[in-house]
Amino acid sequence: MAERQATIASRVGLHARPASLFIDAVNRQPVEVTIAAKGSDDLDASSILSIMSLGAANGDVVTLKAEGEGAEAALEELAQLLETDLDAE
C-alpha cells in the first residue's frame, strides 16, 4: 500500500471549494484513495462528507493511502494539489 503525507495549504483549510477540487482529482485516479487526519480513521477521499468531516485546517497534515497500479503517482498528484493554496486560484 502506498502512503503519502501532505500539509493542507489552502488558507481556510479543506473547506467546500478546495474539497470539491480535491474530490474531482481523486475521482480521476485509477485507484481508490483514503484520507486521514492525525488521530482519525481512514476515510473515503472521494466523499465530500468524509472530507468535510476531517475538519482539516491550513497547516494540518493528512495521510493519503492507495493500493494498486498507479497508486504512487496518484498520491503524488493528490498531495501536490493539497499542498497548493486552492483558495488563491
N, C-alpha and C. Protein backbone atom coordinates (compact mmCIF):
# COMPACT_ATOMS: atom_id res chain seq x y z
N MET A 1 0.85 -1.19 0.00
CA MET A 1 0.00 0.00 0.00
C MET A 1 0.88 1.24 0.00
N ALA A 2 0.58 2.15 -0.89
CA ALA A 2 1.30 3.42 -0.97
C ALA A 2 0.70 4.39 0.04
N GLU A 3 1.56 5.21 0.60
CA GLU A 3 1.12 6.19 1.59
C GLU A 3 1.91 7.47 1.39
N ARG A 4 1.23 8.60 1.57
CA ARG A 4 1.88 9.91 1.37
C ARG A 4 1.24 10.91 2.32
N GLN A 5 2.05 11.72 2.96
CA GLN A 5 1.53 12.79 3.81
C GLN A 5 1.56 14.09 3.04
N ALA A 6 0.60 14.95 3.35
CA ALA A 6 0.51 16.26 2.71
C ALA A 6 0.06 17.28 3.74
N THR A 7 0.56 18.48 3.62
CA THR A 7 0.17 19.57 4.50
C THR A 7 -0.83 20.45 3.76
N ILE A 8 -1.96 20.70 4.38
CA ILE A 8 -3.02 21.50 3.76
C ILE A 8 -2.54 22.94 3.61
N ALA A 9 -2.53 23.44 2.37
CA ALA A 9 -2.02 24.78 2.09
C ALA A 9 -3.12 25.82 1.91
N SER A 10 -4.34 25.40 1.63
CA SER A 10 -5.42 26.38 1.43
C SER A 10 -5.60 27.19 2.71
N ARG A 11 -5.70 28.49 2.55
CA ARG A 11 -5.73 29.41 3.69
C ARG A 11 -6.80 29.10 4.71
N VAL A 12 -7.96 28.66 4.27
CA VAL A 12 -9.04 28.36 5.22
C VAL A 12 -9.27 26.86 5.34
N GLY A 13 -8.28 26.08 4.96
CA GLY A 13 -8.37 24.63 5.14
C GLY A 13 -9.08 23.94 3.99
N LEU A 14 -9.42 22.70 4.24
CA LEU A 14 -10.05 21.87 3.21
C LEU A 14 -11.57 22.02 3.32
N HIS A 15 -12.05 23.21 2.97
CA HIS A 15 -13.48 23.51 3.02
C HIS A 15 -14.11 23.26 1.66
N ALA A 16 -15.26 23.80 1.38
CA ALA A 16 -16.07 23.45 0.21
C ALA A 16 -15.34 23.51 -1.13
N ARG A 17 -14.77 24.64 -1.51
CA ARG A 17 -14.14 24.74 -2.84
C ARG A 17 -12.90 23.86 -2.97
N PRO A 18 -11.93 23.97 -2.06
CA PRO A 18 -10.77 23.08 -2.16
C PRO A 18 -11.16 21.60 -2.05
N ALA A 19 -12.13 21.29 -1.22
CA ALA A 19 -12.57 19.90 -1.08
C ALA A 19 -13.15 19.40 -2.40
N SER A 20 -13.93 20.22 -3.05
CA SER A 20 -14.54 19.84 -4.33
C SER A 20 -13.47 19.61 -5.40
N LEU A 21 -12.47 20.48 -5.47
CA LEU A 21 -11.38 20.32 -6.43
C LEU A 21 -10.59 19.05 -6.13
N PHE A 22 -10.36 18.78 -4.85
CA PHE A 22 -9.63 17.58 -4.45
C PHE A 22 -10.42 16.33 -4.82
N ILE A 23 -11.70 16.32 -4.55
CA ILE A 23 -12.54 15.16 -4.86
C ILE A 23 -12.58 14.91 -6.37
N ASP A 24 -12.66 15.96 -7.16
CA ASP A 24 -12.63 15.80 -8.62
C ASP A 24 -11.33 15.09 -9.03
N ALA A 25 -10.21 15.50 -8.43
CA ALA A 25 -8.92 14.88 -8.75
C ALA A 25 -8.87 13.43 -8.28
N VAL A 26 -9.43 13.15 -7.12
CA VAL A 26 -9.49 11.77 -6.60
C VAL A 26 -10.27 10.89 -7.57
N ASN A 27 -11.38 11.38 -8.05
CA ASN A 27 -12.24 10.60 -8.95
C ASN A 27 -11.60 10.33 -10.31
N ARG A 28 -10.57 11.08 -10.67
CA ARG A 28 -9.85 10.84 -11.92
C ARG A 28 -8.75 9.78 -11.77
N GLN A 29 -8.49 9.35 -10.55
CA GLN A 29 -7.41 8.40 -10.30
C GLN A 29 -7.84 6.97 -10.61
N PRO A 30 -6.87 6.12 -10.98
CA PRO A 30 -7.18 4.72 -11.30
C PRO A 30 -7.29 3.82 -10.07
N VAL A 31 -7.12 4.40 -8.89
CA VAL A 31 -7.15 3.63 -7.64
C VAL A 31 -8.07 4.31 -6.63
N GLU A 32 -8.53 3.54 -5.65
CA GLU A 32 -9.31 4.11 -4.56
C GLU A 32 -8.34 4.74 -3.57
N VAL A 33 -8.72 5.90 -3.06
CA VAL A 33 -7.84 6.67 -2.18
C VAL A 33 -8.55 6.92 -0.86
N THR A 34 -7.80 6.79 0.24
CA THR A 34 -8.33 7.17 1.55
C THR A 34 -7.53 8.36 2.07
N ILE A 35 -8.14 9.07 3.02
CA ILE A 35 -7.51 10.23 3.63
C ILE A 35 -7.77 10.16 5.13
N ALA A 36 -6.79 10.56 5.92
CA ALA A 36 -6.95 10.59 7.37
C ALA A 36 -6.20 11.78 7.94
N ALA A 37 -6.80 12.41 8.92
CA ALA A 37 -6.12 13.45 9.68
C ALA A 37 -5.49 12.77 10.89
N LYS A 38 -4.58 13.44 11.54
CA LYS A 38 -3.92 12.87 12.70
C LYS A 38 -4.95 12.40 13.72
N GLY A 39 -4.87 11.13 14.08
CA GLY A 39 -5.76 10.58 15.08
C GLY A 39 -7.12 10.14 14.58
N SER A 40 -7.36 10.24 13.25
CA SER A 40 -8.66 9.82 12.73
C SER A 40 -8.52 8.53 11.92
N ASP A 41 -9.63 7.89 11.66
CA ASP A 41 -9.66 6.70 10.84
C ASP A 41 -9.49 7.09 9.37
N ASP A 42 -9.12 6.11 8.54
CA ASP A 42 -9.05 6.33 7.10
C ASP A 42 -10.47 6.54 6.57
N LEU A 43 -10.65 7.58 5.76
CA LEU A 43 -11.95 7.91 5.19
C LEU A 43 -11.86 7.88 3.67
N ASP A 44 -12.99 7.67 3.02
CA ASP A 44 -13.08 7.66 1.57
C ASP A 44 -12.78 9.07 1.05
N ALA A 45 -11.69 9.21 0.31
CA ALA A 45 -11.28 10.53 -0.18
C ALA A 45 -12.15 11.05 -1.32
N SER A 46 -13.04 10.21 -1.84
CA SER A 46 -13.93 10.67 -2.92
C SER A 46 -15.27 11.15 -2.39
N SER A 47 -15.44 11.17 -1.08
CA SER A 47 -16.71 11.56 -0.45
C SER A 47 -16.61 12.96 0.16
N ILE A 48 -17.49 13.85 -0.27
CA ILE A 48 -17.50 15.21 0.28
C ILE A 48 -17.78 15.18 1.78
N LEU A 49 -18.65 14.27 2.22
CA LEU A 49 -18.94 14.18 3.65
C LEU A 49 -17.71 13.76 4.44
N SER A 50 -16.95 12.83 3.90
CA SER A 50 -15.72 12.40 4.57
C SER A 50 -14.71 13.54 4.65
N ILE A 51 -14.54 14.24 3.54
CA ILE A 51 -13.57 15.33 3.50
C ILE A 51 -13.98 16.45 4.47
N MET A 52 -15.24 16.81 4.47
CA MET A 52 -15.70 17.87 5.36
C MET A 52 -15.61 17.45 6.83
N SER A 53 -15.82 16.16 7.11
CA SER A 53 -15.77 15.71 8.49
C SER A 53 -14.35 15.69 9.05
N LEU A 54 -13.35 15.72 8.18
CA LEU A 54 -11.96 15.78 8.65
C LEU A 54 -11.69 17.06 9.42
N GLY A 55 -12.30 18.15 8.97
CA GLY A 55 -12.05 19.44 9.60
C GLY A 55 -10.61 19.89 9.42
N ALA A 56 -9.99 19.52 8.30
CA ALA A 56 -8.58 19.83 8.06
C ALA A 56 -8.39 21.33 7.82
N ALA A 57 -7.56 21.94 8.64
CA ALA A 57 -7.30 23.37 8.56
C ALA A 57 -5.94 23.62 7.90
N ASN A 58 -5.69 24.87 7.56
CA ASN A 58 -4.40 25.26 6.99
C ASN A 58 -3.28 24.80 7.93
N GLY A 59 -2.29 24.11 7.34
CA GLY A 59 -1.15 23.63 8.11
C GLY A 59 -1.31 22.24 8.69
N ASP A 60 -2.52 21.69 8.67
CA ASP A 60 -2.73 20.32 9.15
C ASP A 60 -2.11 19.33 8.19
N VAL A 61 -1.61 18.24 8.73
CA VAL A 61 -1.03 17.17 7.92
C VAL A 61 -2.05 16.05 7.80
N VAL A 62 -2.30 15.60 6.58
CA VAL A 62 -3.20 14.47 6.34
C VAL A 62 -2.40 13.35 5.69
N THR A 63 -2.90 12.13 5.82
CA THR A 63 -2.26 10.97 5.23
C THR A 63 -3.16 10.40 4.15
N LEU A 64 -2.60 10.26 2.96
CA LEU A 64 -3.31 9.67 1.83
C LEU A 64 -2.79 8.25 1.63
N LYS A 65 -3.69 7.32 1.32
CA LYS A 65 -3.30 5.94 1.07
C LYS A 65 -4.04 5.41 -0.15
N ALA A 66 -3.35 4.54 -0.89
CA ALA A 66 -3.96 3.89 -2.06
C ALA A 66 -3.19 2.60 -2.32
N GLU A 67 -3.87 1.69 -3.01
CA GLU A 67 -3.24 0.43 -3.33
C GLU A 67 -3.55 0.07 -4.77
N GLY A 68 -2.57 -0.50 -5.45
CA GLY A 68 -2.77 -0.94 -6.82
C GLY A 68 -1.88 -0.20 -7.79
N GLU A 69 -2.00 -0.58 -9.05
CA GLU A 69 -1.19 0.02 -10.10
C GLU A 69 -1.53 1.50 -10.25
N GLY A 70 -0.51 2.32 -10.18
CA GLY A 70 -0.71 3.76 -10.30
C GLY A 70 -0.89 4.46 -8.97
N ALA A 71 -0.81 3.73 -7.87
CA ALA A 71 -1.06 4.33 -6.55
C ALA A 71 -0.05 5.42 -6.21
N GLU A 72 1.23 5.17 -6.44
CA GLU A 72 2.27 6.15 -6.10
C GLU A 72 2.06 7.46 -6.87
N ALA A 73 1.82 7.35 -8.16
CA ALA A 73 1.62 8.55 -8.99
C ALA A 73 0.35 9.29 -8.58
N ALA A 74 -0.70 8.53 -8.26
CA ALA A 74 -1.96 9.15 -7.84
C ALA A 74 -1.76 9.94 -6.55
N LEU A 75 -1.08 9.35 -5.59
CA LEU A 75 -0.88 10.02 -4.31
C LEU A 75 0.02 11.23 -4.46
N GLU A 76 1.01 11.15 -5.34
CA GLU A 76 1.88 12.30 -5.58
C GLU A 76 1.07 13.47 -6.15
N GLU A 77 0.23 13.19 -7.13
CA GLU A 77 -0.61 14.24 -7.73
C GLU A 77 -1.55 14.85 -6.69
N LEU A 78 -2.19 14.00 -5.90
CA LEU A 78 -3.15 14.49 -4.91
C LEU A 78 -2.45 15.28 -3.80
N ALA A 79 -1.30 14.82 -3.37
CA ALA A 79 -0.55 15.54 -2.33
C ALA A 79 -0.15 16.92 -2.83
N GLN A 80 0.32 17.00 -4.07
CA GLN A 80 0.68 18.30 -4.64
C GLN A 80 -0.52 19.24 -4.68
N LEU A 81 -1.68 18.70 -4.98
CA LEU A 81 -2.90 19.51 -5.01
C LEU A 81 -3.20 20.06 -3.61
N LEU A 82 -3.12 19.21 -2.60
CA LEU A 82 -3.41 19.64 -1.24
C LEU A 82 -2.38 20.66 -0.75
N GLU A 83 -1.16 20.57 -1.26
CA GLU A 83 -0.09 21.47 -0.84
C GLU A 83 -0.06 22.75 -1.66
N THR A 84 -1.14 22.99 -2.42
CA THR A 84 -1.33 24.22 -3.19
C THR A 84 -2.46 25.00 -2.54
N ASP A 85 -2.32 26.32 -2.47
CA ASP A 85 -3.40 27.14 -1.91
C ASP A 85 -4.52 27.23 -2.96
N LEU A 86 -5.49 26.35 -2.84
CA LEU A 86 -6.59 26.28 -3.79
C LEU A 86 -7.56 27.46 -3.68
N ASP A 87 -7.41 28.23 -2.61
CA ASP A 87 -8.23 29.45 -2.46
C ASP A 87 -7.68 30.57 -3.31
N ALA A 88 -6.41 30.50 -3.68
CA ALA A 88 -5.76 31.58 -4.43
C ALA A 88 -6.07 31.51 -5.92
N GLU A 89 -6.55 30.36 -6.40
CA GLU A 89 -6.80 30.20 -7.84
C GLU A 89 -8.11 30.79 -8.26
